[in-house]
Amino acid sequence: MLVIVAPGQGAQVPGFLAPWLELPGMADRFDRWSEVVGLDLKRYGTTADADEIRDTAVAQPLLVAAGLAAATALFGDLDSAPASIDAAAGHSVGELTAASLAGVLSPQDALMLVAERGRGMADAAAATATGMTAVLGGDRAEVLAALESHGLTPANDNGSGQIVAAGTTEQLAALAADPPARARLRSLSVAGAFHTHHMAPAADRVSRVAKGIAPADPRTRLLSNRDGAVVAGGSEYLDRLVEQISSPVRWDSCTETLAGLGATAIVELPPAGTLTGLAKRGLPGTERLAVKSPDDLDRARELVRDHAEGTAPRQEGRP
């Protein structure tokens, strides 16, 4: 069973888009997509520095465009992608990439939504001094209790012993002064407390844009960050995409769902590495590929051929 996953904000690094623009027709594609999002995606993905692409309003469209570009190169066109994979999932903004792969959103609609999402979340983050801190290790129950005691939200529950706390800078400082036992804290370089009530204004903005979109039903299994559920309806998934802006990411639940479905291979779209890293512990025994450049496409095609139930013979013991 083959799964395609798309990373969230923070995965981007300077220049990561450059090798993809060398593929035939890709530069023209990015010119069109740049017009949709109102940003020079080619510049941001090639010559912009780390501070420029850390901007939420830039990072989010750049990530979705990169994922769509790599998927187009992998499958030939996005319309044929659902028939070649068994499940799709994205972390946070990566859900928009996954929705397009599953046929719920056209690339243009996904990019239009992510542009508004990025601008809305950037504006919401600027309204209050907030941030996020990764809590690594420790007892899960004790970590969650510590966050609650400081008024923080477990904004990303990534599994594999990683929970991201989000809230005001004062709340995060209090956590740093009194961390959970046996846990390490790492401050994240993000603009604000994403996936918390602080992002409610952004969710309202994206909701207005979403009302003008007619989503299709998924044509392959499509997982939701809210609870790891496989969502069958396009309208429901679009609603979840909007609501999830101000609610926690439960990647741990997505991992549990994939394990239950019998995932045997995971391919992560660029800028890749984060989710395949989590899968190493959360989904032991699966083959994992982080697609970092076009050089990885041949190996990705091999995994599609060997693991996708729609393109490979069903093996005994597979669901």
Protein backbone atom coordinates (compact mmCIF):
# COMPACT_ATOMS: atom_id res chain seq x y z
CA MET A 1 0.00 0.00 0.00
CA LEU A 2 1.56 3.27 -1.18
CA VAL A 3 1.08 6.57 0.65
CA ILE A 4 2.03 10.03 -0.60
CA VAL A 5 2.61 12.62 2.12
CA ALA A 6 3.23 16.38 1.95
CA PRO A 7 5.16 18.33 4.62
CA GLY A 8 4.11 21.45 6.46
CA GLN A 9 5.60 24.85 7.11
CA GLY A 10 9.17 24.81 8.37
CA ALA A 11 10.34 22.18 5.89
CA GLN A 12 11.43 24.79 3.32
CA VAL A 13 15.12 25.61 2.86
CA PRO A 14 16.73 28.22 0.59
CA GLY A 15 17.13 27.13 -3.03
CA PHE A 16 15.21 23.86 -2.73
CA LEU A 17 13.07 24.60 -5.78
CA ALA A 18 15.97 25.19 -8.20
CA PRO A 19 16.41 21.63 -9.56
CA TRP A 20 12.66 21.26 -10.17
CA LEU A 21 12.58 24.34 -12.39
CA GLU A 22 15.01 22.63 -14.75
CA LEU A 23 12.40 20.02 -15.71
CA PRO A 24 10.69 20.61 -19.09
CA GLY A 25 7.77 23.02 -18.84
CA MET A 26 8.13 23.52 -15.08
CA ALA A 27 9.33 27.14 -15.23
CA ASP A 28 6.27 28.09 -17.28
CA ARG A 29 4.04 26.25 -14.81
CA PHE A 30 5.51 28.27 -11.95
CA ASP A 31 4.97 31.49 -13.88
CA ARG A 32 1.24 30.65 -14.05
CA TRP A 33 1.09 29.60 -10.41
CA SER A 34 2.91 32.79 -9.36
CA GLU A 35 0.11 34.81 -10.91
CA VAL A 36 -2.48 32.84 -8.93
CA VAL A 37 -0.81 33.43 -5.55
CA GLY A 38 0.54 36.90 -6.26
CA LEU A 39 4.15 35.95 -5.48
CA ASP A 40 7.30 35.31 -7.52
CA LEU A 41 7.51 31.64 -6.55
CA LYS A 42 10.55 31.02 -8.74
CA ARG A 43 12.58 33.68 -6.96
CA TYR A 44 11.47 32.62 -3.50
CA GLY A 45 12.29 29.00 -4.25
CA THR A 46 15.74 29.69 -5.72
CA THR A 47 17.52 32.86 -4.60
CA ALA A 48 15.57 34.06 -1.55
CA ASP A 49 17.25 33.64 1.83
CA ALA A 50 15.95 31.77 4.87
CA ASP A 51 14.34 34.84 6.43
CA GLU A 52 12.36 35.64 3.29
CA ILE A 53 10.92 32.14 2.94
CA ARG A 54 10.19 31.93 6.67
CA ASP A 55 7.43 34.51 6.09
CA THR A 56 4.17 32.59 6.48
CA ALA A 57 2.58 34.37 3.52
CA VAL A 58 5.47 33.14 1.34
CA ALA A 59 6.26 29.75 2.83
CA GLN A 60 2.81 28.25 2.53
CA PRO A 61 2.18 28.89 -1.19
CA LEU A 62 5.77 27.89 -1.93
CA LEU A 63 5.35 24.55 -0.15
CA VAL A 64 2.10 23.67 -1.88
CA ALA A 65 3.41 24.68 -5.31
CA ALA A 66 6.56 22.59 -4.79
CA GLY A 67 4.53 19.55 -3.80
CA LEU A 68 2.22 19.89 -6.78
CA ALA A 69 5.19 20.31 -9.12
CA ALA A 70 6.91 17.17 -7.84
CA ALA A 71 3.69 15.17 -8.00
CA THR A 72 3.15 16.33 -11.59
CA ALA A 73 6.67 15.19 -12.47
CA LEU A 74 6.14 11.87 -10.70
CA PHE A 75 2.76 10.94 -12.18
CA GLY A 76 2.86 12.82 -15.49
CA ASP A 77 -0.22 14.83 -14.55
CA LEU A 78 -2.17 15.34 -11.34
CA ASP A 79 -5.41 14.00 -12.78
CA SER A 80 -3.93 10.51 -12.99
CA ALA A 81 -2.35 10.58 -9.53
CA PRO A 82 -5.31 9.19 -7.52
CA ALA A 83 -5.33 5.99 -9.56
CA SER A 84 -1.64 5.42 -8.81
CA ILE A 85 -1.64 5.83 -5.03
CA ASP A 86 -3.56 4.26 -2.16
CA ALA A 87 -3.67 7.15 0.30
CA ALA A 88 -2.63 10.78 0.63
CA ALA A 89 -2.03 12.89 3.71
CA GLY A 90 -0.49 16.27 4.43
CA HIS A 91 0.84 17.88 7.58
CA SER A 92 -0.85 21.23 8.23
CA VAL A 93 -0.59 23.26 4.99
CA GLY A 94 0.44 20.02 3.29
CA GLU A 95 -3.20 19.00 3.49
CA LEU A 96 -3.90 21.34 0.58
CA THR A 97 -1.31 19.49 -1.50
CA ALA A 98 -2.85 16.15 -0.49
CA ALA A 99 -6.33 17.39 -1.36
CA SER A 100 -5.18 18.26 -4.87
CA LEU A 101 -3.45 14.88 -5.27
CA ALA A 102 -6.67 13.12 -4.27
CA GLY A 103 -8.71 15.11 -6.80
CA VAL A 104 -10.63 17.21 -4.27
CA LEU A 105 -9.14 20.55 -5.35
CA SER A 106 -7.76 21.72 -8.67
CA PRO A 107 -4.19 23.06 -8.46
CA GLN A 108 -5.53 26.57 -9.01
CA ASP A 109 -8.07 26.25 -6.20
CA ALA A 110 -5.45 24.77 -3.86
CA LEU A 111 -3.08 27.65 -4.61
CA MET A 112 -5.80 30.27 -4.28
CA LEU A 113 -6.74 28.86 -0.87
CA VAL A 114 -3.18 28.57 0.37
CA ALA A 115 -2.38 32.14 -0.65
CA GLU A 116 -5.27 33.42 1.47
CA ARG A 117 -4.35 30.99 4.25
CA GLY A 118 -0.77 32.24 4.35
CA ARG A 119 -1.75 35.89 4.35
CA GLY A 120 -4.46 35.32 6.96
CA MET A 121 -2.21 33.37 9.31
CA ALA A 122 0.58 35.92 8.95
CA ASP A 123 -1.82 38.74 9.86
CA ALA A 124 -3.25 36.78 12.79
CA ALA A 125 0.25 36.04 14.08
CA ALA A 126 1.13 39.74 13.94
CA ALA A 127 -1.81 40.65 16.18
CA THR A 128 -0.41 39.01 19.34
CA ALA A 129 3.05 37.95 20.45
CA THR A 130 2.79 34.16 20.17
CA GLY A 131 4.98 31.25 19.17
CA MET A 132 5.58 27.51 19.24
CA THR A 133 7.97 25.19 21.10
CA ALA A 134 8.65 21.54 20.32
CA VAL A 135 8.54 19.27 23.36
CA LEU A 136 10.67 16.20 22.68
CA GLY A 137 10.44 13.11 24.84
CA GLY A 138 9.00 12.86 28.32
CA ASP A 139 5.87 11.04 29.42
CA ARG A 140 3.00 11.93 27.08
CA ALA A 141 0.45 12.41 29.86
CA GLU A 142 2.87 14.55 31.87
CA VAL A 143 3.69 16.67 28.82
CA LEU A 144 0.03 17.31 28.03
CA ALA A 145 -0.66 18.14 31.69
CA ALA A 146 2.23 20.62 31.74
CA LEU A 147 0.93 22.34 28.62
CA GLU A 148 -2.54 22.60 30.06
CA SER A 149 -1.22 24.02 33.33
CA HIS A 150 0.43 26.86 31.40
CA GLY A 151 -2.58 27.51 29.15
CA LEU A 152 -0.78 26.17 26.08
CA THR A 153 -2.26 24.19 23.19
CA PRO A 154 -0.72 20.94 21.88
CA ALA A 155 -0.90 22.40 18.39
CA ASN A 156 0.98 19.57 16.65
CA ASP A 157 0.82 16.07 18.09
CA ASN A 158 3.30 14.42 15.77
CA GLY A 159 3.68 11.11 17.56
CA SER A 160 7.13 9.55 17.98
CA GLY A 161 7.55 11.49 21.22
CA GLN A 162 7.08 14.94 19.67
CA ILE A 163 4.41 17.43 20.71
CA VAL A 164 4.50 21.10 19.70
CA ALA A 165 3.19 23.58 22.26
CA ALA A 166 1.71 26.87 21.09
CA GLY A 167 0.56 30.00 22.87
CA THR A 168 1.69 33.44 23.96
CA THR A 169 5.35 34.20 24.47
CA GLU A 170 4.67 34.54 28.21
CA GLN A 171 3.09 31.09 28.37
CA LEU A 172 5.98 29.56 26.44
CA ALA A 173 8.49 31.26 28.74
CA ALA A 174 6.70 29.76 31.74
CA LEU A 175 6.95 26.32 30.16
CA ALA A 176 10.66 26.81 29.51
CA ALA A 177 11.16 27.70 33.18
CA ASP A 178 9.25 24.60 34.32
CA PRO A 179 9.58 21.91 31.62
CA PRO A 180 8.10 18.41 31.92
CA ALA A 181 10.39 15.78 33.36
CA ARG A 182 12.76 14.08 30.92
CA ALA A 183 11.63 16.35 28.06
CA ARG A 184 13.74 18.62 25.87
CA LEU A 185 12.35 21.91 24.61
CA ARG A 186 13.20 23.48 21.26
CA SER A 187 11.86 26.89 20.29
CA LEU A 188 10.57 26.92 16.71
CA SER A 189 11.26 29.74 14.29
CA VAL A 190 7.66 30.43 13.33
CA ALA A 191 5.63 33.61 13.28
CA GLY A 192 2.91 32.64 15.75
CA ALA A 193 0.74 30.09 17.52
CA PHE A 194 -0.56 28.18 14.52
CA HIS A 195 -3.43 25.73 14.96
CA THR A 196 -4.77 27.48 18.05
CA HIS A 197 -7.60 29.91 18.76
CA HIS A 198 -5.18 32.72 17.88
CA MET A 199 -5.66 31.74 14.21
CA ALA A 200 -9.46 32.10 14.24
CA PRO A 201 -9.38 35.30 12.12
CA ALA A 202 -7.40 33.45 9.45
CA ALA A 203 -9.92 30.60 9.42
CA ASP A 204 -12.70 33.15 8.86
CA ARG A 205 -10.84 34.66 5.90
CA VAL A 206 -10.18 31.31 4.26
CA SER A 207 -13.78 30.25 4.87
CA ARG A 208 -15.01 33.12 2.72
CA VAL A 209 -12.75 32.07 -0.15
CA ALA A 210 -13.72 28.41 0.26
CA LYS A 211 -17.38 29.24 -0.27
CA GLY A 212 -16.57 29.96 -3.93
CA ILE A 213 -14.97 26.54 -4.51
CA ALA A 214 -16.82 23.39 -5.60
CA PRO A 215 -14.69 20.48 -4.33
CA ALA A 216 -14.91 16.99 -5.80
CA ASP A 217 -15.01 13.83 -3.71
CA PRO A 218 -11.61 12.18 -3.13
CA ARG A 219 -10.61 9.55 -5.68
CA THR A 220 -8.22 7.84 -3.28
CA ARG A 221 -8.05 7.59 0.52
CA LEU A 222 -7.54 11.08 1.95
CA LEU A 223 -6.65 11.51 5.60
CA SER A 224 -7.58 14.46 7.80
CA ASN A 225 -5.26 16.08 10.35
CA ARG A 226 -8.16 16.60 12.72
CA ASP A 227 -8.41 12.96 13.78
CA GLY A 228 -6.67 10.81 11.18
CA ALA A 229 -9.99 9.86 9.59
CA VAL A 230 -10.28 8.86 5.95
CA VAL A 231 -12.72 11.44 4.58
CA ALA A 232 -15.01 10.36 1.74
CA GLY A 233 -16.66 13.68 0.88
CA GLY A 234 -14.99 16.65 -0.79
CA SER A 235 -17.18 19.23 0.92
CA GLU A 236 -16.46 17.73 4.32
CA TYR A 237 -12.74 17.73 3.61
CA LEU A 238 -12.81 21.37 2.54
CA ASP A 239 -14.64 22.27 5.75
CA ARG A 240 -11.99 20.40 7.73
CA LEU A 241 -9.23 22.24 5.88
CA VAL A 242 -10.68 25.56 7.01
CA GLU A 243 -11.40 24.51 10.59
CA GLN A 244 -7.95 22.96 10.97
CA ILE A 245 -6.29 26.37 10.67
CA SER A 246 -7.29 27.06 14.28
CA SER A 247 -7.34 23.49 15.62
CA PRO A 248 -4.49 21.07 16.44
CA VAL A 249 -2.74 18.84 13.92
CA ARG A 250 -3.05 15.19 14.97
CA TRP A 251 -0.34 13.62 12.85
CA ASP A 252 -0.11 10.88 15.45
CA SER A 253 -3.67 9.87 14.51
CA CYS A 254 -2.81 9.93 10.81
CA THR A 255 0.10 7.60 11.52
CA GLU A 256 -2.18 5.24 13.43
CA THR A 257 -4.63 5.21 10.52
CA LEU A 258 -1.89 4.43 8.00
CA ALA A 259 -0.62 1.61 10.20
CA GLY A 260 -4.14 0.18 10.39
CA LEU A 261 -4.55 0.40 6.63
CA GLY A 262 -1.34 -1.58 6.14
CA ALA A 263 0.91 1.07 4.58
CA THR A 264 4.02 -0.54 3.10
CA ALA A 265 5.71 2.47 1.44
CA ILE A 266 5.69 6.22 2.05
CA VAL A 267 6.85 8.82 -0.45
CA GLU A 268 7.25 12.36 0.86
CA LEU A 269 7.01 15.27 -1.56
CA PRO A 270 9.52 18.13 -1.38
CA PRO A 271 10.86 19.76 0.61
CA ALA A 272 11.00 16.26 2.08
CA GLY A 273 12.47 14.62 5.14
CA THR A 274 10.32 15.62 8.12
CA LEU A 275 7.47 13.15 7.67
CA THR A 276 9.60 10.23 6.53
CA GLY A 277 11.67 10.89 9.67
CA LEU A 278 8.55 10.57 11.85
CA ALA A 279 7.53 7.44 9.94
CA LYS A 280 10.84 5.77 10.77
CA ARG A 281 9.62 5.40 14.34
CA GLY A 282 5.85 5.56 13.87
CA LEU A 283 5.60 3.15 10.93
CA PRO A 284 8.51 0.71 11.32
CA GLY A 285 9.00 -1.69 8.46
CA THR A 286 7.63 0.63 5.78
CA GLU A 287 9.83 1.67 2.89
CA ARG A 288 10.39 5.42 3.02
CA LEU A 289 11.54 7.89 0.39
CA ALA A 290 12.09 11.61 0.87
CA VAL A 291 11.88 13.15 -2.60
CA LYS A 292 14.37 16.00 -2.36
CA SER A 293 15.18 16.53 -6.05
CA PRO A 294 14.25 15.15 -9.48
CA ASP A 295 17.06 12.63 -9.00
CA ASP A 296 14.73 10.80 -6.60
CA LEU A 297 11.89 10.41 -9.10
CA ASP A 298 13.03 7.10 -10.58
CA ARG A 299 13.10 5.52 -7.13
CA ALA A 300 9.68 7.03 -6.38
CA ARG A 301 8.28 5.48 -9.56
CA GLU A 302 9.68 2.11 -8.48
CA LEU A 303 7.84 2.39 -5.17
CA VAL A 304 4.63 3.31 -6.95
CA ARG A 305 5.01 0.31 -9.23
CA ASP A 306 5.86 -2.12 -6.45
CA HIS A 307 3.53 -0.97 -3.67
CA ALA A 308 0.46 0.76 -5.10
CA GLU A 309 -2.40 -1.70 -4.96
CA GLY A 310 -3.90 -0.25 -8.10
CA THR A 311 -0.73 -0.90 -10.14
CA ALA A 312 0.90 -3.91 -8.47
CA PRO A 313 -0.44 -7.44 -7.83
CA ARG A 314 -2.15 -7.75 -4.44
CA GLN A 315 0.08 -9.66 -2.06
CA GLU A 316 -1.11 -12.13 0.52
CA GLY A 317 -1.77 -10.41 3.83
CA ARG A 318 -2.45 -7.01 2.26
CA PRO A 319 -5.72 -5.34 3.15
